[in-house]
Amino acid sequence: MNIITSHRYTAVPASWIPNSVNYVAVNADVMEVYVANSQGVPRRVLNEEDVQVLIDAAVAQAGGVTEVADIAARDALTPDGVIQVYVSDAQGDPTVDSGGAFYLYRPSDSSWKKTGEDESLDLVLNWDSIQGGPSSTPAAIDAAVGNSHVHANKTEIDQISQNAEGEPLYAGQLIRPHWATEAW
């Protein structure tokens, strides 16, 4: 049966004690952990810096994002596949007022497609492309809104009211039925 021991160091030792967990103080704020096997061969536990190096390598391998200074530098690139580029000063693009923007290179048609920008994303919507939108035209909707309280008989409608008892009034007078025939 192997007994595991633990040890504290202020620097990495020249050799490791077999079957041990070792804590090495790198500085006042950082400590590294090493585990030595039965032959005294250590393996270090990953730290934050190691994880960042792994992330950076994975992003670089996946293509990541290339950063360039301006639109001219973006256009000077010769990508051989899909890449994403961040242009720090994208004001050379007429749709960008200020700041940077992200672009995706599309080898299928050798074009750059803006996917985002520091300021905002420009969207131009076509009325016919709105799913579930009204069948009325914008002009018809504008006319309906403009005429929403226009009535040919508005003067007469404005004279309809009611008294304190809730009885209907017209021009301030009770509305009374009129008999077509008064034979009794």
Protein backbone atom coordinates (compact mmCIF):
# COMPACT_ATOMS: atom_id res chain seq x y z
CA MET A 1 0.00 0.00 0.00
CA ASN A 2 1.35 3.38 -1.02
CA ILE A 3 1.12 6.23 1.43
CA ILE A 4 0.61 9.63 -0.15
CA THR A 5 2.48 12.47 1.48
CA SER A 6 2.09 16.19 0.97
CA HIS A 7 4.86 18.80 0.85
CA ARG A 8 5.17 22.60 0.63
CA TYR A 9 7.96 24.32 -1.31
CA THR A 10 8.94 27.89 -2.18
CA ALA A 11 10.53 26.70 -5.46
CA VAL A 12 10.29 23.64 -7.69
CA PRO A 13 12.52 20.94 -6.08
CA ALA A 14 15.30 19.19 -8.02
CA SER A 15 13.61 15.83 -7.41
CA TRP A 16 10.20 14.71 -6.23
CA ILE A 17 9.25 12.37 -3.44
CA PRO A 18 7.31 9.37 -4.89
CA ASN A 19 3.56 9.24 -4.16
CA SER A 20 3.30 12.86 -3.11
CA VAL A 21 1.19 15.93 -3.56
CA ASN A 22 3.40 19.01 -3.73
CA TYR A 23 2.46 22.66 -3.31
CA VAL A 24 4.92 25.18 -4.78
CA ALA A 25 4.47 28.86 -3.92
CA VAL A 26 5.25 30.71 -7.17
CA ASN A 27 4.75 34.10 -5.49
CA ALA A 28 2.66 35.58 -2.67
CA ASP A 29 -0.60 35.10 -4.62
CA VAL A 30 -0.03 31.99 -6.77
CA MET A 31 0.56 28.35 -5.87
CA GLU A 32 1.10 25.45 -8.26
CA VAL A 33 0.18 21.86 -7.44
CA TYR A 34 2.26 18.86 -8.58
CA VAL A 35 1.40 15.21 -8.04
CA ALA A 36 4.29 12.72 -8.16
CA ASN A 37 3.66 9.06 -9.05
CA SER A 38 5.32 6.02 -7.46
CA GLN A 39 8.50 6.69 -9.48
CA GLY A 40 8.62 10.36 -8.39
CA VAL A 41 7.59 11.67 -11.84
CA PRO A 42 5.49 14.81 -11.38
CA ARG A 43 2.44 16.05 -13.23
CA ARG A 44 1.38 19.63 -12.67
CA VAL A 45 -2.26 20.54 -12.18
CA LEU A 46 -3.47 23.00 -14.82
CA ASN A 47 -3.56 26.62 -13.75
CA GLU A 48 -5.31 29.68 -15.19
CA GLU A 49 -2.41 30.50 -17.50
CA ASP A 50 -2.38 26.95 -18.88
CA VAL A 51 -6.11 27.12 -19.59
CA GLN A 52 -5.72 30.46 -21.40
CA VAL A 53 -2.89 29.02 -23.54
CA LEU A 54 -5.14 26.07 -24.47
CA ILE A 55 -8.02 28.41 -25.35
CA ASP A 56 -5.78 30.65 -27.45
CA ALA A 57 -4.38 27.63 -29.32
CA ALA A 58 -7.87 26.24 -29.99
CA VAL A 59 -9.11 29.61 -31.29
CA ALA A 60 -6.06 29.96 -33.53
CA GLN A 61 -6.55 26.43 -34.87
CA ALA A 62 -10.25 27.09 -35.51
CA GLY A 63 -9.42 30.18 -37.52
CA GLY A 64 -10.35 32.68 -34.83
CA VAL A 65 -10.69 36.32 -35.71
CA THR A 66 -8.10 38.27 -37.66
CA GLU A 67 -7.80 41.93 -36.71
CA VAL A 68 -6.83 44.56 -39.26
CA ALA A 69 -6.60 48.35 -39.09
CA ASP A 70 -9.04 49.43 -41.79
CA ILE A 71 -11.15 48.38 -44.79
CA ALA A 72 -8.16 48.67 -47.15
CA ALA A 73 -6.22 46.20 -44.98
CA ARG A 74 -9.23 43.85 -44.96
CA ASP A 75 -9.49 44.02 -48.74
CA ALA A 76 -5.76 43.31 -49.08
CA LEU A 77 -6.22 39.91 -47.35
CA THR A 78 -6.19 36.83 -49.58
CA PRO A 79 -8.19 34.25 -47.61
CA ASP A 80 -8.43 30.71 -48.97
CA GLY A 81 -11.57 29.90 -47.01
CA VAL A 82 -14.17 31.34 -44.66
CA ILE A 83 -12.58 33.72 -42.17
CA GLN A 84 -13.84 36.31 -39.73
CA VAL A 85 -12.10 39.69 -39.62
CA TYR A 86 -12.44 42.56 -37.17
CA VAL A 87 -11.69 45.93 -38.79
CA SER A 88 -10.65 48.38 -36.02
CA ASP A 89 -11.54 51.47 -38.07
CA ALA A 90 -14.32 50.47 -40.46
CA GLN A 91 -15.35 53.98 -41.51
CA GLY A 92 -14.32 53.07 -45.07
CA ASP A 93 -17.55 51.05 -45.15
CA PRO A 94 -20.40 53.48 -45.99
CA THR A 95 -22.70 51.69 -43.53
CA VAL A 96 -20.35 52.36 -40.58
CA ASP A 97 -20.43 55.84 -39.05
CA SER A 98 -17.66 55.23 -36.52
CA GLY A 99 -15.65 52.50 -34.81
CA GLY A 100 -14.97 48.95 -35.88
CA ALA A 101 -16.93 46.15 -37.49
CA PHE A 102 -16.82 42.37 -37.96
CA TYR A 103 -16.88 40.84 -41.43
CA LEU A 104 -17.14 37.28 -42.71
CA TYR A 105 -15.34 36.39 -45.92
CA ARG A 106 -17.43 34.19 -48.22
CA PRO A 107 -15.25 32.29 -50.71
CA SER A 108 -18.34 31.17 -52.68
CA ASP A 109 -18.68 34.68 -54.13
CA SER A 110 -15.45 36.33 -52.91
CA SER A 111 -17.38 38.85 -50.82
CA TRP A 112 -17.25 40.31 -47.33
CA LYS A 113 -20.47 40.28 -45.28
CA LYS A 114 -20.74 42.58 -42.28
CA THR A 115 -21.86 40.56 -39.24
CA GLY A 116 -21.67 43.24 -36.58
CA GLU A 117 -20.24 46.58 -35.66
CA ASP A 118 -19.25 48.52 -32.58
CA GLU A 119 -21.99 51.08 -33.14
CA SER A 120 -24.90 48.86 -34.25
CA LEU A 121 -25.97 46.51 -37.00
CA ASP A 122 -27.65 48.02 -40.05
CA LEU A 123 -30.88 46.28 -40.94
CA VAL A 124 -33.00 47.21 -43.93
CA LEU A 125 -36.36 45.48 -43.76
CA ASN A 126 -38.64 45.03 -46.74
CA TRP A 127 -42.38 45.21 -45.99
CA ASP A 128 -43.06 42.11 -48.12
CA SER A 129 -40.47 40.08 -46.16
CA ILE A 130 -42.11 40.51 -42.74
CA GLN A 131 -43.54 37.16 -41.70
CA GLY A 132 -47.04 37.36 -40.25
CA GLY A 133 -47.30 41.03 -41.22
CA PRO A 134 -50.51 42.76 -42.28
CA SER A 135 -51.80 42.40 -45.82
CA SER A 136 -52.53 46.13 -46.01
CA THR A 137 -50.04 48.42 -47.69
CA PRO A 138 -48.12 50.97 -45.63
CA ALA A 139 -50.05 53.74 -47.42
CA ALA A 140 -53.40 52.17 -46.46
CA ILE A 141 -52.28 51.82 -42.83
CA ASP A 142 -51.04 55.42 -42.76
CA ALA A 143 -54.38 56.61 -44.17
CA ALA A 144 -56.34 54.57 -41.61
CA VAL A 145 -54.29 56.03 -38.75
CA GLY A 146 -54.77 59.55 -40.10
CA ASN A 147 -58.53 59.02 -40.41
CA SER A 148 -58.99 57.08 -37.19
CA HIS A 149 -61.18 59.82 -35.67
CA VAL A 150 -62.60 61.47 -38.75
CA HIS A 151 -66.35 61.07 -39.17
CA ALA A 152 -68.62 62.77 -41.71
CA ASN A 153 -71.21 63.22 -38.93
CA LYS A 154 -68.80 64.28 -36.16
CA THR A 155 -70.91 67.35 -35.29
CA GLU A 156 -73.94 65.14 -34.62
CA ILE A 157 -71.91 62.50 -32.77
CA ASP A 158 -70.48 65.17 -30.46
CA GLN A 159 -74.03 66.07 -29.36
CA ILE A 160 -74.69 62.60 -27.91
CA SER A 161 -74.29 62.39 -24.12
CA GLN A 162 -76.14 61.21 -21.02
CA ASN A 163 -77.63 62.73 -17.89
CA ALA A 164 -76.82 61.92 -14.25
CA GLU A 165 -79.29 59.01 -14.32
CA GLY A 166 -77.55 57.49 -17.36
CA GLU A 167 -80.36 58.33 -19.74
CA PRO A 168 -79.28 59.19 -23.29
CA LEU A 169 -79.34 62.83 -24.36
CA TYR A 170 -79.08 64.45 -27.76
CA ALA A 171 -78.18 68.13 -27.83
CA GLY A 172 -78.79 68.17 -24.07
CA GLN A 173 -82.38 66.86 -24.40
CA LEU A 174 -83.77 63.48 -23.45
CA ILE A 175 -84.16 61.22 -26.42
CA ARG A 176 -87.85 60.31 -26.63
CA PRO A 177 -89.51 57.85 -28.93
CA HIS A 178 -91.78 59.34 -31.53
CA TRP A 179 -94.94 57.52 -32.39
CA ALA A 180 -95.59 57.08 -36.04
CA THR A 181 -99.29 56.88 -35.19
CA GLU A 182 -101.06 58.24 -32.12
CA ALA A 183 -104.56 56.73 -32.35
CA TRP A 184 -105.28 56.11 -28.72
